Amino acid sequence: MEDAWAPRGLWDSEDKSREYAQLYEEYTRTSQELQMTRTSTTVEALSETIKIFEEQGQTQEKRSKEYEGSKKEMQRSLLYSERLKSRIAEIHGSHLKLEQELWIQALDNWEI
């Protein structure tokens, strides 16, 4: 209800400020939800990538153990297996870092 003593423009300004604050809050919440969804999707994709690399590593190890070819081919197979293990370790590190960043963002968003 309008105050009879307040100029009309003052109420319009207060209403617009209140509306702006509500819209900004909704925008912030939606932006945070979108960011969390994107990050969550990225974490899930990275988890799937890790599974694929680990399966490939297991397959490679089996092949190198069963391999009866030349010594050179066996060494190449072992080298590939070691590179694959190294890459899996890097991906695990990236995965952990991303999850930590996600938790930090979530905590920051909950404080807002």
C-alpha atoms as a PDB file:
ATOM      1  CA  MET A   1       0.000   0.000   0.000  1.00  0.00           C
ATOM      2  CA  GLU A   2       1.349   3.400  -0.962  1.00  0.00           C
ATOM      3  CA  ASP A   3       2.142   5.993   1.646  1.00  0.00           C
ATOM      4  CA  ALA A   4       0.114   9.136   0.895  1.00  0.00           C
ATOM      5  CA  TRP A   5       3.069  11.284   1.988  1.00  0.00           C
ATOM      6  CA  ALA A   6       5.730   9.648  -0.199  1.00  0.00           C
ATOM      7  CA  PRO A   7       6.191  10.876  -3.761  1.00  0.00           C
ATOM      8  CA  ARG A   8       5.005   8.409  -6.401  1.00  0.00           C
ATOM      9  CA  GLY A   9       8.462   8.072  -7.970  1.00  0.00           C
ATOM     10  CA  LEU A  10       9.912   6.830  -4.656  1.00  0.00           C
ATOM     11  CA  TRP A  11       7.588   3.821  -4.570  1.00  0.00           C
ATOM     12  CA  ASP A  12       8.373   2.989  -8.187  1.00  0.00           C
ATOM     13  CA  SER A  13      12.073   3.085  -7.402  1.00  0.00           C
ATOM     14  CA  GLU A  14      11.715   0.864  -4.330  1.00  0.00           C
ATOM     15  CA  ASP A  15       9.537  -1.610  -6.246  1.00  0.00           C
ATOM     16  CA  LYS A  16      12.055  -1.758  -9.071  1.00  0.00           C
ATOM     17  CA  SER A  17      14.928  -2.254  -6.620  1.00  0.00           C
ATOM     18  CA  ARG A  18      13.061  -5.092  -4.924  1.00  0.00           C
ATOM     19  CA  GLU A  19      12.200  -6.645  -8.280  1.00  0.00           C
ATOM     20  CA  TYR A  20      15.810  -6.301  -9.430  1.00  0.00           C
ATOM     21  CA  ALA A  21      17.050  -7.985  -6.235  1.00  0.00           C
ATOM     22  CA  GLN A  22      14.625 -10.883  -6.725  1.00  0.00           C
ATOM     23  CA  LEU A  23      15.535 -11.303 -10.387  1.00  0.00           C
ATOM     24  CA  TYR A  24      19.247 -11.114  -9.596  1.00  0.00           C
ATOM     25  CA  GLU A  25      18.867 -13.749  -6.881  1.00  0.00           C
ATOM     26  CA  GLU A  26      17.000 -16.028  -9.289  1.00  0.00           C
ATOM     27  CA  TYR A  27      19.646 -15.449 -11.971  1.00  0.00           C
ATOM     28  CA  THR A  28      22.451 -16.258  -9.524  1.00  0.00           C
ATOM     29  CA  ARG A  29      20.740 -19.426  -8.322  1.00  0.00           C
ATOM     30  CA  THR A  30      20.078 -20.586 -11.902  1.00  0.00           C
ATOM     31  CA  SER A  31      23.667 -19.836 -12.935  1.00  0.00           C
ATOM     32  CA  GLN A  32      24.965 -21.831  -9.972  1.00  0.00           C
ATOM     33  CA  GLU A  33      22.691 -24.758 -10.795  1.00  0.00           C
ATOM     34  CA  LEU A  34      23.870 -24.725 -14.414  1.00  0.00           C
ATOM     35  CA  GLN A  35      27.516 -24.612 -13.350  1.00  0.00           C
ATOM     36  CA  MET A  36      26.987 -27.497 -10.924  1.00  0.00           C
ATOM     37  CA  THR A  37      25.247 -29.534 -13.640  1.00  0.00           C
ATOM     38  CA  ARG A  38      28.067 -28.895 -16.117  1.00  0.00           C
ATOM     39  CA  THR A  39      30.698 -29.781 -13.560  1.00  0.00           C
ATOM     40  CA  SER A  40      28.814 -32.892 -12.486  1.00  0.00           C
ATOM     41  CA  THR A  41      28.517 -34.000 -16.108  1.00  0.00           C
ATOM     42  CA  THR A  42      32.242 -33.412 -16.580  1.00  0.00           C
ATOM     43  CA  VAL A  43      33.066 -35.497 -13.494  1.00  0.00           C
ATOM     44  CA  GLU A  44      30.853 -38.325 -14.782  1.00  0.00           C
ATOM     45  CA  ALA A  45      32.487 -38.192 -18.227  1.00  0.00           C
ATOM     46  CA  LEU A  46      35.927 -38.244 -16.652  1.00  0.00           C
ATOM     47  CA  SER A  47      34.935 -41.264 -14.550  1.00  0.00           C
ATOM     48  CA  GLU A  48      33.849 -43.092 -17.704  1.00  0.00           C
ATOM     49  CA  THR A  49      37.121 -42.150 -19.414  1.00  0.00           C
ATOM     50  CA  ILE A  50      39.048 -43.595 -16.494  1.00  0.00           C
ATOM     51  CA  LYS A  51      37.094 -46.858 -16.742  1.00  0.00           C
ATOM     52  CA  ILE A  52      37.822 -47.110 -20.462  1.00  0.00           C
ATOM     53  CA  PHE A  53      41.542 -46.434 -19.967  1.00  0.00           C
ATOM     54  CA  GLU A  54      41.726 -48.960 -17.118  1.00  0.00           C
ATOM     55  CA  GLU A  55      40.008 -51.619 -19.238  1.00  0.00           C
ATOM     56  CA  GLN A  56      42.391 -50.868 -22.087  1.00  0.00           C
ATOM     57  CA  GLY A  57      45.320 -51.143 -19.678  1.00  0.00           C
ATOM     58  CA  GLN A  58      44.130 -54.521 -18.388  1.00  0.00           C
ATOM     59  CA  THR A  59      43.688 -55.781 -21.932  1.00  0.00           C
ATOM     60  CA  GLN A  60      47.156 -54.539 -22.852  1.00  0.00           C
ATOM     61  CA  GLU A  61      48.713 -56.249 -19.835  1.00  0.00           C
ATOM     62  CA  LYS A  62      47.031 -59.548 -20.718  1.00  0.00           C
ATOM     63  CA  ARG A  63      48.268 -59.286 -24.291  1.00  0.00           C
ATOM     64  CA  SER A  64      51.815 -58.478 -23.248  1.00  0.00           C
ATOM     65  CA  LYS A  65      51.880 -61.484 -20.892  1.00  0.00           C
ATOM     66  CA  GLU A  66      50.458 -63.785 -23.538  1.00  0.00           C
ATOM     67  CA  TYR A  67      52.601 -62.357 -26.303  1.00  0.00           C
ATOM     68  CA  GLU A  68      55.091 -64.822 -27.762  1.00  0.00           C
ATOM     69  CA  GLY A  69      56.428 -62.660 -30.556  1.00  0.00           C
ATOM     70  CA  SER A  70      59.806 -61.053 -30.914  1.00  0.00           C
ATOM     71  CA  LYS A  71      61.525 -59.406 -27.977  1.00  0.00           C
ATOM     72  CA  LYS A  72      61.192 -56.034 -29.720  1.00  0.00           C
ATOM     73  CA  GLU A  73      57.415 -56.394 -30.020  1.00  0.00           C
ATOM     74  CA  MET A  74      57.163 -57.467 -26.403  1.00  0.00           C
ATOM     75  CA  GLN A  75      59.177 -54.432 -25.273  1.00  0.00           C
ATOM     76  CA  ARG A  76      56.984 -52.161 -27.383  1.00  0.00           C
ATOM     77  CA  SER A  77      53.890 -53.686 -25.816  1.00  0.00           C
ATOM     78  CA  LEU A  78      55.290 -53.199 -22.296  1.00  0.00           C
ATOM     79  CA  LEU A  79      56.246 -49.600 -23.080  1.00  0.00           C
ATOM     80  CA  TYR A  80      52.724 -48.908 -24.327  1.00  0.00           C
ATOM     81  CA  SER A  81      51.321 -50.472 -21.184  1.00  0.00           C
ATOM     82  CA  GLU A  82      53.491 -48.237 -18.985  1.00  0.00           C
ATOM     83  CA  ARG A  83      52.465 -45.134 -20.925  1.00  0.00           C
ATOM     84  CA  LEU A  84      48.846 -46.136 -20.515  1.00  0.00           C
ATOM     85  CA  LYS A  85      49.292 -46.569 -16.758  1.00  0.00           C
ATOM     86  CA  SER A  86      50.905 -43.131 -16.572  1.00  0.00           C
ATOM     87  CA  ARG A  87      48.014 -41.563 -18.471  1.00  0.00           C
ATOM     88  CA  ILE A  88      45.495 -43.271 -16.187  1.00  0.00           C
ATOM     89  CA  ALA A  89      47.301 -41.813 -13.164  1.00  0.00           C
ATOM     90  CA  GLU A  90      47.144 -38.328 -14.736  1.00  0.00           C
ATOM     91  CA  ILE A  91      43.427 -38.706 -15.419  1.00  0.00           C
ATOM     92  CA  HIS A  92      42.823 -39.867 -11.840  1.00  0.00           C
ATOM     93  CA  GLY A  93      44.639 -36.737 -10.630  1.00  0.00           C
ATOM     94  CA  SER A  94      42.521 -34.510 -12.859  1.00  0.00           C
ATOM     95  CA  HIS A  95      39.398 -36.284 -11.649  1.00  0.00           C
ATOM     96  CA  LEU A  96      40.265 -35.723  -7.979  1.00  0.00           C
ATOM     97  CA  LYS A  97      41.141 -32.076  -8.611  1.00  0.00           C
ATOM     98  CA  LEU A  98      37.846 -31.506 -10.426  1.00  0.00           C
ATOM     99  CA  GLU A  99      35.870 -33.126  -7.615  1.00  0.00           C
ATOM    100  CA  GLN A 100      37.651 -30.931  -5.057  1.00  0.00           C
ATOM    101  CA  GLU A 101      36.869 -27.823  -7.106  1.00  0.00           C
ATOM    102  CA  LEU A 102      33.250 -28.939  -7.328  1.00  0.00           C
ATOM    103  CA  TRP A 103      33.014 -29.252  -3.535  1.00  0.00           C
ATOM    104  CA  ILE A 104      34.609 -25.836  -3.071  1.00  0.00           C
ATOM    105  CA  GLN A 105      32.105 -24.315  -5.503  1.00  0.00           C
ATOM    106  CA  ALA A 106      29.239 -26.068  -3.756  1.00  0.00           C
ATOM    107  CA  LEU A 107      30.377 -24.760  -0.371  1.00  0.00           C
ATOM    108  CA  ASP A 108      30.751 -21.253  -1.789  1.00  0.00           C
ATOM    109  CA  ASN A 109      27.250 -21.458  -3.288  1.00  0.00           C
ATOM    110  CA  TRP A 110      25.735 -22.674  -0.019  1.00  0.00           C
ATOM    111  CA  GLU A 111      27.249 -19.677   1.790  1.00  0.00           C
ATOM    112  CA  ILE A 112      25.536 -17.278  -0.622  1.00  0.00           C
END
